[in-house]
Structures are given as C-alpha cells and as structure tokens.
Amino acid sequence: MAQRRDFTYITAHLIEQEIHHLARMIRSRHWHRSAAWPVSYWRGRIEKLRKAPAVAQDQQAELLSLLGELERIAAQLDSSSKYGELSQIGARPAGGGICKA
C-alpha cells in the first residue's frame, strides 16, 4: 500500500519563496558548470510543489514554466562539450508580478 504524502506544511508563501529560489538556482552558472545537483533533483522539487494543495493557479503556471526552462537548460548542458560553455539562455524571471501588494 502506498503511503500518502503530507503536503499540509507547504503553504502558498513557501511555494512562492521556493519558486524564486528554484529560478535562481536553475539559472545559476555555478550549477551549469559544476552540475552539482542532477536535473532529476530540480525536477523532483518542482513536481513536489505542483502537487501541494496550497499551490495557486498562477504558481502552477510558474512552476510549469520553470520546469520547461529546466528541461531546455538540461538539453543544452547535455549537448555542450563542457559544463559552463552555454550560449546565453534567454530566461525570463519567474514570479514577475505575484508579490505586488
């Protein structure tokens, strides 16, 4: 029997912070050069947030966009001869207008 995961600790505020953190880390040249964390790690974090009950519709869209960006970067890393030798990746910031009061 599969055990249900408890996502109640994941609030909308935490999701927002995680989106910004993931966007920074995924776009980080350090990650591109060192491959410190595998793509599966970042993908798993995004998927965990997407399944949280507190995720808002706009956050869901941002997470999907971030997942697409991760896959594009991963494809470029796989096709480059060395990590860190990527052309400029056209990335747009995640969460552009969510934090406006």
PDB file of N, CA and C in Angstrom:
ATOM      1  N   MET A   1       0.837  -1.171   0.000  1.00  0.00           N
ATOM      2  CA  MET A   1       0.000   0.000   0.000  1.00  0.00           C
ATOM      3  C   MET A   1       0.892   1.249   0.000  1.00  0.00           C
ATOM      4  N   ALA A   2       0.590   2.169  -0.865  1.00  0.00           N
ATOM      5  CA  ALA A   2       1.365   3.409  -0.955  1.00  0.00           C
ATOM      6  C   ALA A   2       0.941   4.358   0.156  1.00  0.00           C
ATOM      7  N   GLN A   3       1.920   4.962   0.779  1.00  0.00           N
ATOM      8  CA  GLN A   3       1.647   5.903   1.851  1.00  0.00           C
ATOM      9  C   GLN A   3       1.402   7.284   1.255  1.00  0.00           C
ATOM     10  N   ARG A   4       0.342   7.956   1.727  1.00  0.00           N
ATOM     11  CA  ARG A   4       0.055   9.308   1.247  1.00  0.00           C
ATOM     12  C   ARG A   4       1.065  10.280   1.828  1.00  0.00           C
ATOM     13  N   ARG A   5       1.499  11.195   1.015  1.00  0.00           N
ATOM     14  CA  ARG A   5       2.446  12.209   1.480  1.00  0.00           C
ATOM     15  C   ARG A   5       1.679  13.359   2.110  1.00  0.00           C
ATOM     16  N   ASP A   6       2.259  13.930   3.130  1.00  0.00           N
ATOM     17  CA  ASP A   6       1.644  15.051   3.828  1.00  0.00           C
ATOM     18  C   ASP A   6       2.221  16.352   3.277  1.00  0.00           C
ATOM     19  N   PHE A   7       1.391  17.079   2.546  1.00  0.00           N
ATOM     20  CA  PHE A   7       1.823  18.345   1.954  1.00  0.00           C
ATOM     21  C   PHE A   7       1.246  19.540   2.708  1.00  0.00           C
ATOM     22  N   THR A   8       0.655  19.310   3.889  1.00  0.00           N
ATOM     23  CA  THR A   8      -0.014  20.400   4.598  1.00  0.00           C
ATOM     24  C   THR A   8       0.947  21.485   5.069  1.00  0.00           C
ATOM     25  N   TYR A   9       2.209  21.154   5.221  1.00  0.00           N
ATOM     26  CA  TYR A   9       3.179  22.157   5.668  1.00  0.00           C
ATOM     27  C   TYR A   9       3.587  23.092   4.532  1.00  0.00           C
ATOM     28  N   ILE A  10       3.235  22.765   3.306  1.00  0.00           N
ATOM     29  CA  ILE A  10       3.612  23.593   2.162  1.00  0.00           C
ATOM     30  C   ILE A  10       2.529  24.649   1.950  1.00  0.00           C
ATOM     31  N   THR A  11       2.834  25.874   2.344  1.00  0.00           N
ATOM     32  CA  THR A  11       1.886  26.981   2.223  1.00  0.00           C
ATOM     33  C   THR A  11       2.126  27.745   0.925  1.00  0.00           C
ATOM     34  N   ALA A  12       1.179  28.597   0.563  1.00  0.00           N
ATOM     35  CA  ALA A  12       1.325  29.419  -0.644  1.00  0.00           C
ATOM     36  C   ALA A  12       2.569  30.306  -0.539  1.00  0.00           C
ATOM     37  N   HIS A  13       2.840  30.817   0.654  1.00  0.00           N
ATOM     38  CA  HIS A  13       4.022  31.664   0.859  1.00  0.00           C
ATOM     39  C   HIS A  13       5.305  30.859   0.643  1.00  0.00           C
ATOM     40  N   LEU A  14       5.364  29.659   1.176  1.00  0.00           N
ATOM     41  CA  LEU A  14       6.535  28.802   0.981  1.00  0.00           C
ATOM     42  C   LEU A  14       6.719  28.479  -0.503  1.00  0.00           C
ATOM     43  N   ILE A  15       5.632  28.207  -1.186  1.00  0.00           N
ATOM     44  CA  ILE A  15       5.700  27.910  -2.619  1.00  0.00           C
ATOM     45  C   ILE A  15       6.286  29.095  -3.373  1.00  0.00           C
ATOM     46  N   GLU A  16       5.837  30.288  -3.030  1.00  0.00           N
ATOM     47  CA  GLU A  16       6.349  31.498  -3.690  1.00  0.00           C
ATOM     48  C   GLU A  16       7.854  31.641  -3.472  1.00  0.00           C
ATOM     49  N   GLN A  17       8.298  31.434  -2.246  1.00  0.00           N
ATOM     50  CA  GLN A  17       9.730  31.519  -1.946  1.00  0.00           C
ATOM     51  C   GLN A  17      10.506  30.445  -2.704  1.00  0.00           C
ATOM     52  N   GLU A  18       9.962  29.249  -2.765  1.00  0.00           N
ATOM     53  CA  GLU A  18      10.624  28.151  -3.466  1.00  0.00           C
ATOM     54  C   GLU A  18      10.721  28.421  -4.964  1.00  0.00           C
ATOM     55  N   ILE A  19       9.684  29.011  -5.546  1.00  0.00           N
ATOM     56  CA  ILE A  19       9.711  29.342  -6.974  1.00  0.00           C
ATOM     57  C   ILE A  19      10.882  30.282  -7.254  1.00  0.00           C
ATOM     58  N   HIS A  20      11.025  31.307  -6.434  1.00  0.00           N
ATOM     59  CA  HIS A  20      12.121  32.261  -6.636  1.00  0.00           C
ATOM     60  C   HIS A  20      13.477  31.597  -6.419  1.00  0.00           C
ATOM     61  N   HIS A  21      13.575  30.764  -5.402  1.00  0.00           N
ATOM     62  CA  HIS A  21      14.829  30.057  -5.132  1.00  0.00           C
ATOM     63  C   HIS A  21      15.176  29.109  -6.281  1.00  0.00           C
ATOM     64  N   LEU A  22      14.206  28.332  -6.727  1.00  0.00           N
ATOM     65  CA  LEU A  22      14.452  27.392  -7.822  1.00  0.00           C
ATOM     66  C   LEU A  22      14.854  28.125  -9.098  1.00  0.00           C
ATOM     67  N   ALA A  23      14.194  29.242  -9.377  1.00  0.00           N
ATOM     68  CA  ALA A  23      14.536  30.018 -10.574  1.00  0.00           C
ATOM     69  C   ALA A  23      15.989  30.479 -10.509  1.00  0.00           C
ATOM     70  N   ARG A  24      16.405  30.997  -9.350  1.00  0.00           N
ATOM     71  CA  ARG A  24      17.799  31.433  -9.189  1.00  0.00           C
ATOM     72  C   ARG A  24      18.767  30.275  -9.368  1.00  0.00           C
ATOM     73  N   MET A  25      18.480  29.171  -8.736  1.00  0.00           N
ATOM     74  CA  MET A  25      19.402  28.039  -8.771  1.00  0.00           C
ATOM     75  C   MET A  25      19.477  27.408 -10.158  1.00  0.00           C
ATOM     76  N   ILE A  26      18.337  27.237 -10.797  1.00  0.00           N
ATOM     77  CA  ILE A  26      18.317  26.609 -12.122  1.00  0.00           C
ATOM     78  C   ILE A  26      19.057  27.468 -13.138  1.00  0.00           C
ATOM     79  N   ARG A  27      18.975  28.786 -12.986  1.00  0.00           N
ATOM     80  CA  ARG A  27      19.648  29.695 -13.924  1.00  0.00           C
ATOM     81  C   ARG A  27      21.099  29.970 -13.542  1.00  0.00           C
ATOM     82  N   SER A  28      21.544  29.429 -12.434  1.00  0.00           N
ATOM     83  CA  SER A  28      22.882  29.698 -11.912  1.00  0.00           C
ATOM     84  C   SER A  28      23.970  29.094 -12.794  1.00  0.00           C
ATOM     85  N   ARG A  29      24.924  29.919 -13.176  1.00  0.00           N
ATOM     86  CA  ARG A  29      26.060  29.423 -13.954  1.00  0.00           C
ATOM     87  C   ARG A  29      26.877  28.421 -13.145  1.00  0.00           C
ATOM     88  N   HIS A  30      26.886  28.578 -11.828  1.00  0.00           N
ATOM     89  CA  HIS A  30      27.608  27.623 -10.989  1.00  0.00           C
ATOM     90  C   HIS A  30      27.026  26.221 -11.180  1.00  0.00           C
ATOM     91  N   TRP A  31      25.703  26.130 -11.165  1.00  0.00           N
ATOM     92  CA  TRP A  31      25.069  24.828 -11.381  1.00  0.00           C
ATOM     93  C   TRP A  31      25.396  24.314 -12.776  1.00  0.00           C
ATOM     94  N   HIS A  32      25.384  25.176 -13.769  1.00  0.00           N
ATOM     95  CA  HIS A  32      25.690  24.754 -15.138  1.00  0.00           C
ATOM     96  C   HIS A  32      27.108  24.197 -15.226  1.00  0.00           C
ATOM     97  N   ARG A  33      28.053  24.868 -14.570  1.00  0.00           N
ATOM     98  CA  ARG A  33      29.455  24.433 -14.635  1.00  0.00           C
ATOM     99  C   ARG A  33      29.715  23.171 -13.831  1.00  0.00           C
ATOM    100  N   SER A  34      29.166  23.100 -12.645  1.00  0.00           N
ATOM    101  CA  SER A  34      29.521  22.005 -11.740  1.00  0.00           C
ATOM    102  C   SER A  34      28.566  20.821 -11.817  1.00  0.00           C
ATOM    103  N   ALA A  35      27.369  21.053 -12.333  1.00  0.00           N
ATOM    104  CA  ALA A  35      26.324  20.020 -12.310  1.00  0.00           C
ATOM    105  C   ALA A  35      26.201  19.461 -10.895  1.00  0.00           C
ATOM    106  N   ALA A  36      26.232  20.365  -9.919  1.00  0.00           N
ATOM    107  CA  ALA A  36      26.231  19.982  -8.511  1.00  0.00           C
ATOM    108  C   ALA A  36      25.015  19.143  -8.136  1.00  0.00           C
ATOM    109  N   TRP A  37      23.888  19.443  -8.710  1.00  0.00           N
ATOM    110  CA  TRP A  37      22.675  18.673  -8.450  1.00  0.00           C
ATOM    111  C   TRP A  37      22.138  18.199  -9.788  1.00  0.00           C
ATOM    112  N   PRO A  38      21.746  16.950  -9.887  1.00  0.00           N
ATOM    113  CA  PRO A  38      21.228  16.453 -11.160  1.00  0.00           C
ATOM    114  C   PRO A  38      19.875  17.084 -11.498  1.00  0.00           C
ATOM    115  N   VAL A  39      19.559  17.070 -12.754  1.00  0.00           N
ATOM    116  CA  VAL A  39      18.286  17.622 -13.225  1.00  0.00           C
ATOM    117  C   VAL A  39      17.119  16.957 -12.500  1.00  0.00           C
ATOM    118  N   SER A  40      17.242  15.671 -12.218  1.00  0.00           N
ATOM    119  CA  SER A  40      16.158  14.950 -11.536  1.00  0.00           C
ATOM    120  C   SER A  40      15.864  15.551 -10.157  1.00  0.00           C
ATOM    121  N   TYR A  41      16.882  16.089  -9.502  1.00  0.00           N
ATOM    122  CA  TYR A  41      16.689  16.732  -8.199  1.00  0.00           C
ATOM    123  C   TYR A  41      15.795  17.963  -8.344  1.00  0.00           C
ATOM    124  N   TRP A  42      16.121  18.836  -9.305  1.00  0.00           N
ATOM    125  CA  TRP A  42      15.338  20.061  -9.519  1.00  0.00           C
ATOM    126  C   TRP A  42      13.932  19.720 -10.000  1.00  0.00           C
ATOM    127  N   ARG A  43      13.836  18.752 -10.901  1.00  0.00           N
ATOM    128  CA  ARG A  43      12.535  18.320 -11.405  1.00  0.00           C
ATOM    129  C   ARG A  43      11.663  17.804 -10.250  1.00  0.00           C
ATOM    130  N   GLY A  44      12.257  17.022  -9.363  1.00  0.00           N
ATOM    131  CA  GLY A  44      11.522  16.483  -8.212  1.00  0.00           C
ATOM    132  C   GLY A  44      11.005  17.566  -7.288  1.00  0.00           C
ATOM    133  N   ARG A  45      11.826  18.595  -7.063  1.00  0.00           N
ATOM    134  CA  ARG A  45      11.382  19.705  -6.205  1.00  0.00           C
ATOM    135  C   ARG A  45      10.213  20.451  -6.835  1.00  0.00           C
ATOM    136  N   ILE A  46      10.281  20.657  -8.138  1.00  0.00           N
ATOM    137  CA  ILE A  46       9.191  21.344  -8.831  1.00  0.00           C
ATOM    138  C   ILE A  46       7.924  20.501  -8.765  1.00  0.00           C
ATOM    139  N   GLU A  47       8.042  19.212  -9.025  1.00  0.00           N
ATOM    140  CA  GLU A  47       6.869  18.327  -9.001  1.00  0.00           C
ATOM    141  C   GLU A  47       6.247  18.262  -7.611  1.00  0.00           C
ATOM    142  N   LYS A  48       7.061  18.262  -6.582  1.00  0.00           N
ATOM    143  CA  LYS A  48       6.545  18.237  -5.208  1.00  0.00           C
ATOM    144  C   LYS A  48       5.686  19.472  -4.946  1.00  0.00           C
ATOM    145  N   LEU A  49       6.152  20.626  -5.394  1.00  0.00           N
ATOM    146  CA  LEU A  49       5.389  21.861  -5.210  1.00  0.00           C
ATOM    147  C   LEU A  49       4.108  21.852  -6.033  1.00  0.00           C
ATOM    148  N   ARG A  50       4.168  21.301  -7.237  1.00  0.00           N
ATOM    149  CA  ARG A  50       2.981  21.252  -8.103  1.00  0.00           C
ATOM    150  C   ARG A  50       1.866  20.414  -7.489  1.00  0.00           C
ATOM    151  N   LYS A  51       2.218  19.431  -6.667  1.00  0.00           N
ATOM    152  CA  LYS A  51       1.223  18.540  -6.061  1.00  0.00           C
ATOM    153  C   LYS A  51       0.679  19.057  -4.733  1.00  0.00           C
ATOM    154  N   ALA A  52       1.248  20.127  -4.226  1.00  0.00           N
ATOM    155  CA  ALA A  52       0.817  20.661  -2.932  1.00  0.00           C
ATOM    156  C   ALA A  52      -0.585  21.252  -3.039  1.00  0.00           C
ATOM    157  N   PRO A  53      -1.447  20.983  -2.060  1.00  0.00           N
ATOM    158  CA  PRO A  53      -2.811  21.527  -2.090  1.00  0.00           C
ATOM    159  C   PRO A  53      -2.857  23.055  -2.083  1.00  0.00           C
ATOM    160  N   ALA A  54      -1.859  23.702  -1.508  1.00  0.00           N
ATOM    161  CA  ALA A  54      -1.873  25.161  -1.380  1.00  0.00           C
ATOM    162  C   ALA A  54      -1.422  25.890  -2.637  1.00  0.00           C
ATOM    163  N   VAL A  55      -1.005  25.171  -3.672  1.00  0.00           N
ATOM    164  CA  VAL A  55      -0.482  25.840  -4.865  1.00  0.00           C
ATOM    165  C   VAL A  55      -1.612  26.578  -5.589  1.00  0.00           C
ATOM    166  N   ALA A  56      -1.370  27.852  -5.865  1.00  0.00           N
ATOM    167  CA  ALA A  56      -2.342  28.681  -6.585  1.00  0.00           C
ATOM    168  C   ALA A  56      -2.186  28.456  -8.085  1.00  0.00           C
ATOM    169  N   GLN A  57      -3.207  28.829  -8.826  1.00  0.00           N
ATOM    170  CA  GLN A  57      -3.196  28.616 -10.274  1.00  0.00           C
ATOM    171  C   GLN A  57      -2.032  29.350 -10.944  1.00  0.00           C
ATOM    172  N   ASP A  58      -1.768  30.582 -10.535  1.00  0.00           N
ATOM    173  CA  ASP A  58      -0.653  31.321 -11.139  1.00  0.00           C
ATOM    174  C   ASP A  58       0.693  30.701 -10.745  1.00  0.00           C
ATOM    175  N   GLN A  59       0.785  30.164  -9.541  1.00  0.00           N
ATOM    176  CA  GLN A  59       2.011  29.480  -9.133  1.00  0.00           C
ATOM    177  C   GLN A  59       2.192  28.195  -9.933  1.00  0.00           C
ATOM    178  N   GLN A  60       1.091  27.502 -10.194  1.00  0.00           N
ATOM    179  CA  GLN A  60       1.137  26.288 -11.008  1.00  0.00           C
ATOM    180  C   GLN A  60       1.703  26.613 -12.394  1.00  0.00           C
ATOM    181  N   ALA A  61       1.257  27.733 -12.963  1.00  0.00           N
ATOM    182  CA  ALA A  61       1.750  28.158 -14.277  1.00  0.00           C
ATOM    183  C   ALA A  61       3.243  28.493 -14.211  1.00  0.00           C
ATOM    184  N   GLU A  62       3.660  29.166 -13.149  1.00  0.00           N
ATOM    185  CA  GLU A  62       5.083  29.496 -12.992  1.00  0.00           C
ATOM    186  C   GLU A  62       5.929  28.237 -12.853  1.00  0.00           C
ATOM    187  N   LEU A  63       5.428  27.276 -12.105  1.00  0.00           N
ATOM    188  CA  LEU A  63       6.163  26.024 -11.924  1.00  0.00           C
ATOM    189  C   LEU A  63       6.288  25.267 -13.240  1.00  0.00           C
ATOM    190  N   LEU A  64       5.226  25.257 -14.037  1.00  0.00           N
ATOM    191  CA  LEU A  64       5.292  24.607 -15.353  1.00  0.00           C
ATOM    192  C   LEU A  64       6.299  25.309 -16.257  1.00  0.00           C
ATOM    193  N   SER A  65       6.305  26.626 -16.211  1.00  0.00           N
ATOM    194  CA  SER A  65       7.262  27.402 -16.998  1.00  0.00           C
ATOM    195  C   SER A  65       8.692  27.105 -16.547  1.00  0.00           C
ATOM    196  N   LEU A  66       8.885  27.039 -15.249  1.00  0.00           N
ATOM    197  CA  LEU A  66      10.204  26.738 -14.697  1.00  0.00           C
ATOM    198  C   LEU A  66      10.646  25.328 -15.078  1.00  0.00           C
ATOM    199  N   LEU A  67       9.720  24.394 -15.090  1.00  0.00           N
ATOM    200  CA  LEU A  67      10.031  23.023 -15.498  1.00  0.00           C
ATOM    201  C   LEU A  67      10.463  22.994 -16.964  1.00  0.00           C
ATOM    202  N   GLY A  68       9.771  23.742 -17.810  1.00  0.00           N
ATOM    203  CA  GLY A  68      10.159  23.837 -19.216  1.00  0.00           C
ATOM    204  C   GLY A  68      11.540  24.445 -19.379  1.00  0.00           C
ATOM    205  N   GLU A  69      11.815  25.482 -18.601  1.00  0.00           N
ATOM    206  CA  GLU A  69      13.132  26.123 -18.650  1.00  0.00           C
ATOM    207  C   GLU A  69      14.219  25.150 -18.192  1.00  0.00           C
ATOM    208  N   LEU A  70      13.941  24.395 -17.142  1.00  0.00           N
ATOM    209  CA  LEU A  70      14.888  23.393 -16.654  1.00  0.00           C
ATOM    210  C   LEU A  70      15.201  22.377 -17.741  1.00  0.00           C
ATOM    211  N   GLU A  71      14.185  21.913 -18.436  1.00  0.00           N
ATOM    212  CA  GLU A  71      14.394  20.912 -19.488  1.00  0.00           C
ATOM    213  C   GLU A  71      15.207  21.486 -20.648  1.00  0.00           C
ATOM    214  N   ARG A  72      14.962  22.757 -20.998  1.00  0.00           N
ATOM    215  CA  ARG A  72      15.744  23.397 -22.070  1.00  0.00           C
ATOM    216  C   ARG A  72      17.210  23.532 -21.664  1.00  0.00           C
ATOM    217  N   ILE A  73      17.444  23.968 -20.432  1.00  0.00           N
ATOM    218  CA  ILE A  73      18.818  24.109 -19.950  1.00  0.00           C
ATOM    219  C   ILE A  73      19.495  22.748 -19.907  1.00  0.00           C
ATOM    220  N   ALA A  74      18.787  21.748 -19.417  1.00  0.00           N
ATOM    221  CA  ALA A  74      19.354  20.395 -19.338  1.00  0.00           C
ATOM    222  C   ALA A  74      19.731  19.881 -20.721  1.00  0.00           C
ATOM    223  N   ALA A  75      18.892  20.147 -21.712  1.00  0.00           N
ATOM    224  CA  ALA A  75      19.195  19.712 -23.077  1.00  0.00           C
ATOM    225  C   ALA A  75      20.447  20.415 -23.594  1.00  0.00           C
ATOM    226  N   GLN A  76      20.585  21.696 -23.295  1.00  0.00           N
ATOM    227  CA  GLN A  76      21.780  22.430 -23.720  1.00  0.00           C
ATOM    228  C   GLN A  76      23.018  21.916 -23.003  1.00  0.00           C
ATOM    229  N   LEU A  77      22.886  21.603 -21.721  1.00  0.00           N
ATOM    230  CA  LEU A  77      24.027  21.064 -20.976  1.00  0.00           C
ATOM    231  C   LEU A  77      24.439  19.712 -21.537  1.00  0.00           C
ATOM    232  N   ASP A  78      23.459  18.881 -21.862  1.00  0.00           N
ATOM    233  CA  ASP A  78      23.757  17.560 -22.418  1.00  0.00           C
ATOM    234  C   ASP A  78      24.460  17.663 -23.763  1.00  0.00           C
ATOM    235  N   SER A  79      24.085  18.662 -24.556  1.00  0.00           N
ATOM    236  CA  SER A  79      24.656  18.773 -25.898  1.00  0.00           C
ATOM    237  C   SER A  79      25.968  19.554 -25.929  1.00  0.00           C
ATOM    238  N   SER A  80      26.290  20.280 -24.843  1.00  0.00           N
ATOM    239  CA  SER A  80      27.550  21.037 -24.841  1.00  0.00           C
ATOM    240  C   SER A  80      28.704  20.112 -24.484  1.00  0.00           C
ATOM    241  N   SER A  81      29.891  20.465 -24.965  1.00  0.00           N
ATOM    242  CA  SER A  81      31.055  19.613 -24.710  1.00  0.00           C
ATOM    243  C   SER A  81      31.511  19.689 -23.261  1.00  0.00           C
ATOM    244  N   LYS A  82      31.347  20.852 -22.633  1.00  0.00           N
ATOM    245  CA  LYS A  82      31.729  21.022 -21.233  1.00  0.00           C
ATOM    246  C   LYS A  82      30.646  21.826 -20.540  1.00  0.00           C
ATOM    247  N   TYR A  83      30.444  21.558 -19.253  1.00  0.00           N
ATOM    248  CA  TYR A  83      29.514  22.380 -18.480  1.00  0.00           C
ATOM    249  C   TYR A  83      30.044  23.800 -18.427  1.00  0.00           C
ATOM    250  N   GLY A  84      29.139  24.746 -18.492  1.00  0.00           N
ATOM    251  CA  GLY A  84      29.526  26.140 -18.384  1.00  0.00           C
ATOM    252  C   GLY A  84      29.808  26.799 -19.713  1.00  0.00           C
ATOM    253  N   GLU A  85      29.791  26.036 -20.805  1.00  0.00           N
ATOM    254  CA  GLU A  85      30.052  26.615 -22.116  1.00  0.00           C
ATOM    255  C   GLU A  85      28.750  26.779 -22.885  1.00  0.00           C
ATOM    256  N   LEU A  86      27.791  27.361 -22.216  1.00  0.00           N
ATOM    257  CA  LEU A  86      26.493  27.571 -22.840  1.00  0.00           C
ATOM    258  C   LEU A  86      26.424  28.963 -23.433  1.00  0.00           C
ATOM    259  N   SER A  87      25.677  29.066 -24.506  1.00  0.00           N
ATOM    260  CA  SER A  87      25.371  30.398 -25.005  1.00  0.00           C
ATOM    261  C   SER A  87      24.382  31.009 -24.022  1.00  0.00           C
ATOM    262  N   GLN A  88      24.179  32.286 -24.097  1.00  0.00           N
ATOM    263  CA  GLN A  88      23.236  32.928 -23.199  1.00  0.00           C
ATOM    264  C   GLN A  88      21.877  32.279 -23.350  1.00  0.00           C
ATOM    265  N   ILE A  89      21.314  31.897 -22.239  1.00  0.00           N
ATOM    266  CA  ILE A  89      19.993  31.282 -22.246  1.00  0.00           C
ATOM    267  C   ILE A  89      18.975  32.385 -22.024  1.00  0.00           C
ATOM    268  N   GLY A  90      18.037  32.516 -22.934  1.00  0.00           N
ATOM    269  CA  GLY A  90      17.002  33.532 -22.800  1.00  0.00           C
ATOM    270  C   GLY A  90      16.013  33.131 -21.728  1.00  0.00           C
ATOM    271  N   ALA A  91      16.224  33.597 -20.519  1.00  0.00           N
ATOM    272  CA  ALA A  91      15.364  33.225 -19.404  1.00  0.00           C
ATOM    273  C   ALA A  91      14.567  34.431 -18.950  1.00  0.00           C
ATOM    274  N   ARG A  92      13.347  34.165 -18.609  1.00  0.00           N
ATOM    275  CA  ARG A  92      12.535  35.235 -18.051  1.00  0.00           C
ATOM    276  C   ARG A  92      12.356  34.954 -16.569  1.00  0.00           C
ATOM    277  N   PRO A  93      12.280  35.971 -15.750  1.00  0.00           N
ATOM    278  CA  PRO A  93      12.170  35.750 -14.316  1.00  0.00           C
ATOM    279  C   PRO A  93      10.848  35.107 -13.938  1.00  0.00           C
ATOM    280  N   ALA A  94      10.894  34.153 -13.031  1.00  0.00           N
ATOM    281  CA  ALA A  94       9.674  33.528 -12.518  1.00  0.00           C
ATOM    282  C   ALA A  94       9.062  34.450 -11.484  1.00  0.00           C
ATOM    283  N   GLY A  95       7.760  34.459 -11.408  1.00  0.00           N
ATOM    284  CA  GLY A  95       7.078  35.238 -10.379  1.00  0.00           C
ATOM    285  C   GLY A  95       7.108  36.717 -10.621  1.00  0.00           C
ATOM    286  N   GLY A  96       7.076  37.112 -11.873  1.00  0.00           N
ATOM    287  CA  GLY A  96       7.192  38.509 -12.220  1.00  0.00           C
ATOM    288  C   GLY A  96       6.320  39.462 -11.445  1.00  0.00           C
ATOM    289  N   GLY A  97       5.055  39.145 -11.211  1.00  0.00           N
ATOM    290  CA  GLY A  97       4.194  40.118 -10.573  1.00  0.00           C
ATOM    291  C   GLY A  97       3.420  39.592  -9.395  1.00  0.00           C
ATOM    292  N   ILE A  98       3.789  38.487  -8.868  1.00  0.00           N
ATOM    293  CA  ILE A  98       2.994  37.884  -7.809  1.00  0.00           C
ATOM    294  C   ILE A  98       3.110  38.630  -6.490  1.00  0.00           C
ATOM    295  N   CYS A  99       4.267  39.134  -6.170  1.00  0.00           N
ATOM    296  CA  CYS A  99       4.488  39.731  -4.852  1.00  0.00           C
ATOM    297  C   CYS A  99       4.022  41.175  -4.753  1.00  0.00           C
ATOM    298  N   LYS A 100       3.343  41.675  -5.740  1.00  0.00           N
ATOM    299  CA  LYS A 100       2.886  43.060  -5.685  1.00  0.00           C
ATOM    300  C   LYS A 100       1.743  43.183  -4.692  1.00  0.00           C
ATOM    301  N   ALA A 101       1.804  44.201  -3.863  1.00  0.00           N
ATOM    302  CA  ALA A 101       0.760  44.394  -2.850  1.00  0.00           C
ATOM    303  C   ALA A 101      -0.255  45.394  -3.323  1.00  0.00           C
TER     304      ALA A 101
END
